[in-house]
Amino acid sequence: MATTVLTVFDKWKQFLGEKVDQAERVGMSDDMISKVAFHIGDFLANKVDPQNVEEHVIKQLWDAGNEEEKRVIARLMVKMVDKD
């Protein structure tokens, strides 16, 4: 079975990290990157079924959080992949 970005968490982190790097190279601010990450997180939480244990945990945290807490999760995801 072929692995996709959504089925292997390390691939997802690598993919997201590459997108964050691209956004930084074109001059997007950290604030704008976080806003985009929030919208992507909201889309994924509402439209895409988690494909692994890590995504299930992130979705549970997302669903439990209010808007401010979801924005923190999005910022932390960006920070996590930006350091890799």
N, C-alpha and C. Protein backbone atom coordinates (compact mmCIF):
# COMPACT_ATOMS: atom_id res chain seq x y z
N MET A 1 0.85 -1.18 0.00
CA MET A 1 0.00 0.00 0.00
C MET A 1 0.90 1.25 0.00
N ALA A 2 0.59 2.19 -0.86
CA ALA A 2 1.36 3.42 -0.96
C ALA A 2 1.07 4.31 0.25
N THR A 3 2.11 4.94 0.76
CA THR A 3 1.92 5.88 1.86
C THR A 3 1.71 7.26 1.29
N THR A 4 0.85 8.01 1.92
CA THR A 4 0.59 9.37 1.49
C THR A 4 0.96 10.33 2.61
N VAL A 5 0.93 11.59 2.29
CA VAL A 5 1.25 12.63 3.27
C VAL A 5 0.34 12.52 4.49
N LEU A 6 -0.92 12.13 4.28
CA LEU A 6 -1.85 12.09 5.40
C LEU A 6 -1.81 10.80 6.20
N THR A 7 -1.18 9.75 5.70
CA THR A 7 -1.19 8.48 6.44
C THR A 7 0.03 8.30 7.33
N VAL A 8 1.12 8.96 7.04
CA VAL A 8 2.33 8.84 7.85
C VAL A 8 2.64 10.22 8.43
N PHE A 9 2.61 10.33 9.75
CA PHE A 9 2.73 11.63 10.39
C PHE A 9 4.06 12.31 10.08
N ASP A 10 5.14 11.55 10.01
CA ASP A 10 6.43 12.17 9.68
C ASP A 10 6.41 12.77 8.28
N LYS A 11 5.71 12.12 7.35
CA LYS A 11 5.58 12.69 5.99
C LYS A 11 4.75 13.97 6.04
N TRP A 12 3.70 13.98 6.86
CA TRP A 12 2.87 15.18 7.01
C TRP A 12 3.70 16.32 7.58
N LYS A 13 4.51 16.04 8.62
CA LYS A 13 5.36 17.07 9.21
C LYS A 13 6.36 17.60 8.18
N GLN A 14 6.95 16.71 7.41
CA GLN A 14 7.91 17.12 6.38
C GLN A 14 7.22 17.99 5.33
N PHE A 15 6.05 17.57 4.89
CA PHE A 15 5.27 18.33 3.89
C PHE A 15 4.94 19.72 4.43
N LEU A 16 4.43 19.77 5.66
CA LEU A 16 4.06 21.06 6.26
C LEU A 16 5.29 21.93 6.45
N GLY A 17 6.40 21.33 6.88
CA GLY A 17 7.64 22.08 7.04
C GLY A 17 8.12 22.70 5.74
N GLU A 18 8.00 21.94 4.65
CA GLU A 18 8.39 22.48 3.33
C GLU A 18 7.51 23.66 2.95
N LYS A 19 6.21 23.57 3.24
CA LYS A 19 5.29 24.67 2.91
C LYS A 19 5.58 25.89 3.76
N VAL A 20 5.91 25.69 5.03
CA VAL A 20 6.27 26.82 5.89
C VAL A 20 7.55 27.47 5.37
N ASP A 21 8.54 26.66 4.99
CA ASP A 21 9.78 27.21 4.43
C ASP A 21 9.50 28.02 3.17
N GLN A 22 8.64 27.51 2.30
CA GLN A 22 8.30 28.24 1.07
C GLN A 22 7.64 29.57 1.41
N ALA A 23 6.71 29.55 2.36
CA ALA A 23 6.02 30.78 2.75
C ALA A 23 7.00 31.81 3.30
N GLU A 24 7.97 31.34 4.10
CA GLU A 24 8.97 32.26 4.64
C GLU A 24 9.85 32.83 3.53
N ARG A 25 10.20 32.00 2.55
CA ARG A 25 11.06 32.47 1.45
C ARG A 25 10.38 33.54 0.61
N VAL A 26 9.05 33.48 0.48
CA VAL A 26 8.36 34.50 -0.32
C VAL A 26 7.97 35.71 0.53
N GLY A 27 8.38 35.71 1.80
CA GLY A 27 8.19 36.88 2.64
C GLY A 27 6.94 36.92 3.49
N MET A 28 6.24 35.80 3.63
CA MET A 28 5.07 35.80 4.51
C MET A 28 5.53 35.97 5.96
N SER A 29 4.79 36.77 6.70
CA SER A 29 5.11 36.98 8.11
C SER A 29 4.70 35.74 8.92
N ASP A 30 5.28 35.62 10.11
CA ASP A 30 4.90 34.52 11.00
C ASP A 30 3.41 34.57 11.33
N ASP A 31 2.89 35.79 11.49
CA ASP A 31 1.47 35.96 11.80
C ASP A 31 0.60 35.43 10.65
N MET A 32 0.97 35.76 9.42
CA MET A 32 0.20 35.30 8.26
C MET A 32 0.29 33.78 8.12
N ILE A 33 1.48 33.23 8.34
CA ILE A 33 1.64 31.78 8.26
C ILE A 33 0.76 31.10 9.31
N SER A 34 0.70 31.64 10.51
CA SER A 34 -0.14 31.09 11.57
C SER A 34 -1.62 31.17 11.20
N LYS A 35 -2.03 32.27 10.58
CA LYS A 35 -3.43 32.41 10.16
C LYS A 35 -3.78 31.38 9.11
N VAL A 36 -2.88 31.16 8.16
CA VAL A 36 -3.11 30.15 7.12
C VAL A 36 -3.17 28.76 7.76
N ALA A 37 -2.26 28.50 8.70
CA ALA A 37 -2.25 27.20 9.38
C ALA A 37 -3.55 26.97 10.14
N PHE A 38 -4.09 28.02 10.74
CA PHE A 38 -5.38 27.90 11.45
C PHE A 38 -6.48 27.48 10.47
N HIS A 39 -6.53 28.12 9.32
CA HIS A 39 -7.58 27.80 8.34
C HIS A 39 -7.41 26.39 7.78
N ILE A 40 -6.16 25.99 7.56
CA ILE A 40 -5.91 24.62 7.09
C ILE A 40 -6.31 23.62 8.17
N GLY A 41 -5.94 23.91 9.41
CA GLY A 41 -6.32 23.04 10.53
C GLY A 41 -7.82 22.90 10.66
N ASP A 42 -8.53 24.01 10.51
CA ASP A 42 -9.99 23.98 10.60
C ASP A 42 -10.58 23.14 9.46
N PHE A 43 -10.06 23.32 8.25
CA PHE A 43 -10.52 22.53 7.11
C PHE A 43 -10.28 21.05 7.36
N LEU A 44 -9.07 20.70 7.77
CA LEU A 44 -8.74 19.29 7.99
C LEU A 44 -9.62 18.68 9.09
N ALA A 45 -9.83 19.43 10.16
CA ALA A 45 -10.64 18.93 11.28
C ALA A 45 -12.09 18.68 10.86
N ASN A 46 -12.58 19.49 9.94
CA ASN A 46 -13.98 19.38 9.53
C ASN A 46 -14.21 18.51 8.31
N LYS A 47 -13.20 18.31 7.47
CA LYS A 47 -13.42 17.65 6.18
C LYS A 47 -12.61 16.38 5.95
N VAL A 48 -11.58 16.14 6.75
CA VAL A 48 -10.69 15.02 6.48
C VAL A 48 -10.63 14.12 7.72
N ASP A 49 -10.84 12.82 7.50
CA ASP A 49 -10.75 11.87 8.60
C ASP A 49 -9.29 11.65 8.97
N PRO A 50 -8.98 11.65 10.27
CA PRO A 50 -7.61 11.39 10.70
C PRO A 50 -7.14 10.02 10.19
N GLN A 51 -5.89 9.95 9.76
CA GLN A 51 -5.36 8.73 9.16
C GLN A 51 -4.38 7.98 10.06
N ASN A 52 -4.05 8.56 11.21
CA ASN A 52 -3.11 7.88 12.11
C ASN A 52 -3.35 8.38 13.53
N VAL A 53 -2.66 7.77 14.47
CA VAL A 53 -2.86 8.09 15.89
C VAL A 53 -2.58 9.56 16.18
N GLU A 54 -1.51 10.10 15.62
CA GLU A 54 -1.16 11.49 15.88
C GLU A 54 -2.24 12.44 15.39
N GLU A 55 -2.77 12.18 14.21
CA GLU A 55 -3.84 13.04 13.67
C GLU A 55 -5.11 12.92 14.51
N HIS A 56 -5.38 11.74 15.05
CA HIS A 56 -6.55 11.59 15.94
C HIS A 56 -6.38 12.47 17.18
N VAL A 57 -5.19 12.47 17.76
CA VAL A 57 -4.93 13.28 18.96
C VAL A 57 -5.07 14.77 18.63
N ILE A 58 -4.48 15.18 17.52
CA ILE A 58 -4.57 16.59 17.14
C ILE A 58 -6.03 16.99 16.91
N LYS A 59 -6.80 16.12 16.25
CA LYS A 59 -8.22 16.42 16.00
C LYS A 59 -8.98 16.52 17.33
N GLN A 60 -8.70 15.62 18.27
CA GLN A 60 -9.38 15.69 19.57
C GLN A 60 -9.05 17.00 20.28
N LEU A 61 -7.79 17.41 20.23
CA LEU A 61 -7.41 18.69 20.84
C LEU A 61 -8.11 19.85 20.13
N TRP A 62 -8.13 19.79 18.80
CA TRP A 62 -8.77 20.84 18.00
C TRP A 62 -10.26 20.93 18.36
N ASP A 63 -10.92 19.79 18.41
CA ASP A 63 -12.36 19.77 18.71
C ASP A 63 -12.66 20.26 20.12
N ALA A 64 -11.73 20.03 21.05
CA ALA A 64 -11.94 20.44 22.44
C ALA A 64 -11.68 21.93 22.65
N GLY A 65 -10.88 22.52 21.77
CA GLY A 65 -10.46 23.90 21.97
C GLY A 65 -11.44 24.94 21.46
N ASN A 66 -11.36 26.13 22.06
CA ASN A 66 -12.09 27.27 21.52
C ASN A 66 -11.24 27.88 20.41
N GLU A 67 -11.70 28.96 19.80
CA GLU A 67 -10.97 29.53 18.66
C GLU A 67 -9.55 29.95 19.04
N GLU A 68 -9.39 30.59 20.18
CA GLU A 68 -8.06 31.03 20.61
C GLU A 68 -7.13 29.82 20.80
N GLU A 69 -7.63 28.77 21.42
CA GLU A 69 -6.82 27.57 21.64
C GLU A 69 -6.46 26.88 20.31
N LYS A 70 -7.39 26.91 19.36
CA LYS A 70 -7.11 26.34 18.03
C LYS A 70 -6.02 27.14 17.34
N ARG A 71 -6.02 28.46 17.51
CA ARG A 71 -4.97 29.29 16.92
C ARG A 71 -3.61 28.95 17.55
N VAL A 72 -3.61 28.65 18.85
CA VAL A 72 -2.37 28.24 19.52
C VAL A 72 -1.90 26.90 18.95
N ILE A 73 -2.80 25.96 18.76
CA ILE A 73 -2.43 24.67 18.17
C ILE A 73 -1.81 24.88 16.79
N ALA A 74 -2.43 25.73 15.99
CA ALA A 74 -1.91 26.00 14.64
C ALA A 74 -0.51 26.60 14.72
N ARG A 75 -0.30 27.56 15.63
CA ARG A 75 1.02 28.18 15.78
C ARG A 75 2.05 27.15 16.24
N LEU A 76 1.65 26.28 17.15
CA LEU A 76 2.57 25.25 17.64
C LEU A 76 2.92 24.25 16.55
N MET A 77 1.97 23.90 15.71
CA MET A 77 2.26 23.00 14.60
C MET A 77 3.29 23.65 13.67
N VAL A 78 3.12 24.93 13.38
CA VAL A 78 4.08 25.64 12.52
C VAL A 78 5.45 25.65 13.18
N LYS A 79 5.50 25.96 14.49
CA LYS A 79 6.78 25.98 15.19
C LYS A 79 7.43 24.61 15.19
N MET A 80 6.63 23.57 15.38
CA MET A 80 7.16 22.21 15.43
C MET A 80 7.85 21.84 14.12
N VAL A 81 7.21 22.14 13.00
CA VAL A 81 7.79 21.74 11.72
C VAL A 81 8.87 22.70 11.25
N ASP A 82 8.85 23.92 11.74
CA ASP A 82 9.86 24.90 11.34
C ASP A 82 11.20 24.59 12.00
N LYS A 83 11.18 23.87 13.11
CA LYS A 83 12.43 23.51 13.81
C LYS A 83 13.03 22.23 13.26
N ASP A 84 12.25 21.43 12.53
CA ASP A 84 12.76 20.16 11.98
C ASP A 84 13.66 20.38 10.80
